[in-house]
């Protein structure tokens, strides 16, 4: 291999190692987030509160869009990601109310 190809392979390896660490952070962060949303779901169920809160969801989506813009992340992607998470959380909350 040429020096340039060897260097590119090392840079690629370094990026992939960073991506792997970030993926781990995302998974553990989501795990922690869902622990809290599960607790919220149980609290809502025990007090007969609705499983979803459209006002809170809209506020969170707007907040995430702002964060995405500041982080140089596509805000549409961030919104889709949060909507996916919210849908999962609502399903969990509904299960607690059954």
C-alpha atoms as a PDB file:
ATOM      1  CA  UNK A   1       0.000   0.000   0.000  1.00  0.00           C
ATOM      2  CA  UNK A   2       1.090   3.532  -0.593  1.00  0.00           C
ATOM      3  CA  UNK A   3       1.633   5.944   2.262  1.00  0.00           C
ATOM      4  CA  UNK A   4      -1.487   7.880   1.249  1.00  0.00           C
ATOM      5  CA  UNK A   5      -3.616   4.732   1.241  1.00  0.00           C
ATOM      6  CA  UNK A   6      -2.164   3.617   4.583  1.00  0.00           C
ATOM      7  CA  UNK A   7      -2.882   7.032   6.067  1.00  0.00           C
ATOM      8  CA  UNK A   8      -6.436   6.992   4.658  1.00  0.00           C
ATOM      9  CA  UNK A   9      -6.999   3.532   6.162  1.00  0.00           C
ATOM     10  CA  UNK A  10      -5.858   4.817   9.574  1.00  0.00           C
ATOM     11  CA  UNK A  11      -8.103   7.884   9.336  1.00  0.00           C
ATOM     12  CA  UNK A  12     -11.018   5.623   8.375  1.00  0.00           C
ATOM     13  CA  UNK A  13     -10.274   3.351  11.340  1.00  0.00           C
ATOM     14  CA  UNK A  14     -10.168   6.358  13.695  1.00  0.00           C
ATOM     15  CA  UNK A  15     -13.507   7.664  12.392  1.00  0.00           C
ATOM     16  CA  UNK A  16     -15.099   4.245  12.778  1.00  0.00           C
ATOM     17  CA  UNK A  17     -13.839   3.942  16.348  1.00  0.00           C
ATOM     18  CA  UNK A  18     -15.373   7.339  17.137  1.00  0.00           C
ATOM     19  CA  UNK A  19     -18.631   6.306  15.474  1.00  0.00           C
ATOM     20  CA  UNK A  20     -18.688   3.096  17.546  1.00  0.00           C
ATOM     21  CA  UNK A  21     -18.189   5.082  20.769  1.00  0.00           C
ATOM     22  CA  UNK A  22     -20.923   7.524  19.787  1.00  0.00           C
ATOM     23  CA  UNK A  23     -23.293   4.663  18.947  1.00  0.00           C
ATOM     24  CA  UNK A  24     -22.699   3.268  22.429  1.00  0.00           C
ATOM     25  CA  UNK A  25     -23.418   6.683  23.938  1.00  0.00           C
ATOM     26  CA  UNK A  26     -26.661   6.905  21.932  1.00  0.00           C
ATOM     27  CA  UNK A  27     -27.817   3.462  23.054  1.00  0.00           C
ATOM     28  CA  UNK A  28     -27.061   4.107  26.730  1.00  0.00           C
ATOM     29  CA  UNK A  29     -28.627   7.577  26.503  1.00  0.00           C
ATOM     30  CA  UNK A  30     -31.795   6.147  24.957  1.00  0.00           C
ATOM     31  CA  UNK A  31     -31.859   3.475  27.651  1.00  0.00           C
ATOM     32  CA  UNK A  32     -31.674   6.136  30.352  1.00  0.00           C
ATOM     33  CA  UNK A  33     -34.304   8.243  28.602  1.00  0.00           C
ATOM     34  CA  UNK A  34     -36.701   5.298  28.392  1.00  0.00           C
ATOM     35  CA  UNK A  35     -36.226   4.528  32.093  1.00  0.00           C
ATOM     36  CA  UNK A  36     -37.580   8.009  32.822  1.00  0.00           C
ATOM     37  CA  UNK A  37     -40.392   7.799  30.278  1.00  0.00           C
ATOM     38  CA  UNK A  38     -41.421   4.431  31.736  1.00  0.00           C
ATOM     39  CA  UNK A  39     -41.633   6.066  35.163  1.00  0.00           C
ATOM     40  CA  UNK A  40     -43.688   8.892  33.641  1.00  0.00           C
ATOM     41  CA  UNK A  41     -46.007   6.343  32.034  1.00  0.00           C
ATOM     42  CA  UNK A  42     -46.554   4.560  35.341  1.00  0.00           C
ATOM     43  CA  UNK A  43     -47.190   7.881  37.086  1.00  0.00           C
ATOM     44  CA  UNK A  44     -49.687   8.916  34.419  1.00  0.00           C
ATOM     45  CA  UNK A  45     -51.463   5.573  34.632  1.00  0.00           C
ATOM     46  CA  UNK A  46     -51.704   5.697  38.416  1.00  0.00           C
ATOM     47  CA  UNK A  47     -53.260   9.169  38.233  1.00  0.00           C
ATOM     48  CA  UNK A  48     -55.458   8.451  35.201  1.00  0.00           C
ATOM     49  CA  UNK A  49     -53.650  10.991  33.029  1.00  0.00           C
ATOM     50  CA  UNK A  50     -53.655  10.686  29.222  1.00  0.00           C
ATOM     51  CA  UNK A  51     -50.724   8.770  27.689  1.00  0.00           C
ATOM     52  CA  UNK A  52     -49.820  11.627  25.361  1.00  0.00           C
ATOM     53  CA  UNK A  53     -49.378  15.355  25.884  1.00  0.00           C
ATOM     54  CA  UNK A  54     -49.583  17.104  22.498  1.00  0.00           C
ATOM     55  CA  UNK A  55     -48.499  20.477  23.921  1.00  0.00           C
ATOM     56  CA  UNK A  56     -45.387  18.953  25.521  1.00  0.00           C
ATOM     57  CA  UNK A  57     -44.628  17.013  22.336  1.00  0.00           C
ATOM     58  CA  UNK A  58     -44.888  20.145  20.175  1.00  0.00           C
ATOM     59  CA  UNK A  59     -42.628  22.046  22.578  1.00  0.00           C
ATOM     60  CA  UNK A  60     -40.071  19.233  22.535  1.00  0.00           C
ATOM     61  CA  UNK A  61     -40.092  19.018  18.737  1.00  0.00           C
ATOM     62  CA  UNK A  62     -39.519  22.776  18.436  1.00  0.00           C
ATOM     63  CA  UNK A  63     -36.748  22.554  21.050  1.00  0.00           C
ATOM     64  CA  UNK A  64     -35.093  19.677  19.225  1.00  0.00           C
ATOM     65  CA  UNK A  65     -35.286  21.498  15.897  1.00  0.00           C
ATOM     66  CA  UNK A  66     -33.495  24.449  17.489  1.00  0.00           C
ATOM     67  CA  UNK A  67     -30.857  22.167  18.995  1.00  0.00           C
ATOM     68  CA  UNK A  68     -30.409  20.424  15.646  1.00  0.00           C
ATOM     69  CA  UNK A  69     -29.871  23.742  13.880  1.00  0.00           C
ATOM     70  CA  UNK A  70     -27.268  24.751  16.459  1.00  0.00           C
ATOM     71  CA  UNK A  71     -25.566  21.355  16.171  1.00  0.00           C
ATOM     72  CA  UNK A  72     -25.499  21.563  12.368  1.00  0.00           C
ATOM     73  CA  UNK A  73     -27.820  18.547  12.139  1.00  0.00           C
ATOM     74  CA  UNK A  74     -30.642  18.339   9.616  1.00  0.00           C
ATOM     75  CA  UNK A  75     -33.675  19.529  11.631  1.00  0.00           C
ATOM     76  CA  UNK A  76     -36.032  17.338   9.562  1.00  0.00           C
ATOM     77  CA  UNK A  77     -34.017  14.279  10.557  1.00  0.00           C
ATOM     78  CA  UNK A  78     -34.033  15.387  14.200  1.00  0.00           C
ATOM     79  CA  UNK A  79     -37.808  15.883  14.061  1.00  0.00           C
ATOM     80  CA  UNK A  80     -38.369  12.426  12.532  1.00  0.00           C
ATOM     81  CA  UNK A  81     -36.110  10.894  15.178  1.00  0.00           C
ATOM     82  CA  UNK A  82     -37.968  12.572  18.042  1.00  0.00           C
ATOM     83  CA  UNK A  83     -41.358  11.700  16.538  1.00  0.00           C
ATOM     84  CA  UNK A  84     -40.247   8.059  16.424  1.00  0.00           C
ATOM     85  CA  UNK A  85     -39.202   8.190  20.084  1.00  0.00           C
ATOM     86  CA  UNK A  86     -42.431   9.946  21.107  1.00  0.00           C
ATOM     87  CA  UNK A  87     -44.510   7.296  19.320  1.00  0.00           C
ATOM     88  CA  UNK A  88     -42.642   4.559  21.216  1.00  0.00           C
ATOM     89  CA  UNK A  89     -43.117   6.356  24.519  1.00  0.00           C
ATOM     90  CA  UNK A  90     -46.847   6.806  23.930  1.00  0.00           C
ATOM     91  CA  UNK A  91     -47.178   3.084  23.162  1.00  0.00           C
ATOM     92  CA  UNK A  92     -45.419   2.293  26.446  1.00  0.00           C
ATOM     93  CA  UNK A  93     -47.686   4.707  28.306  1.00  0.00           C
ATOM     94  CA  UNK A  94     -50.776   3.095  26.774  1.00  0.00           C
ATOM     95  CA  UNK A  95     -49.586  -0.328  27.925  1.00  0.00           C
ATOM     96  CA  UNK A  96     -49.271   0.981  31.485  1.00  0.00           C
ATOM     97  CA  UNK A  97     -52.884   2.111  31.359  1.00  0.00           C
ATOM     98  CA  UNK A  98     -54.227  -1.289  30.309  1.00  0.00           C
END
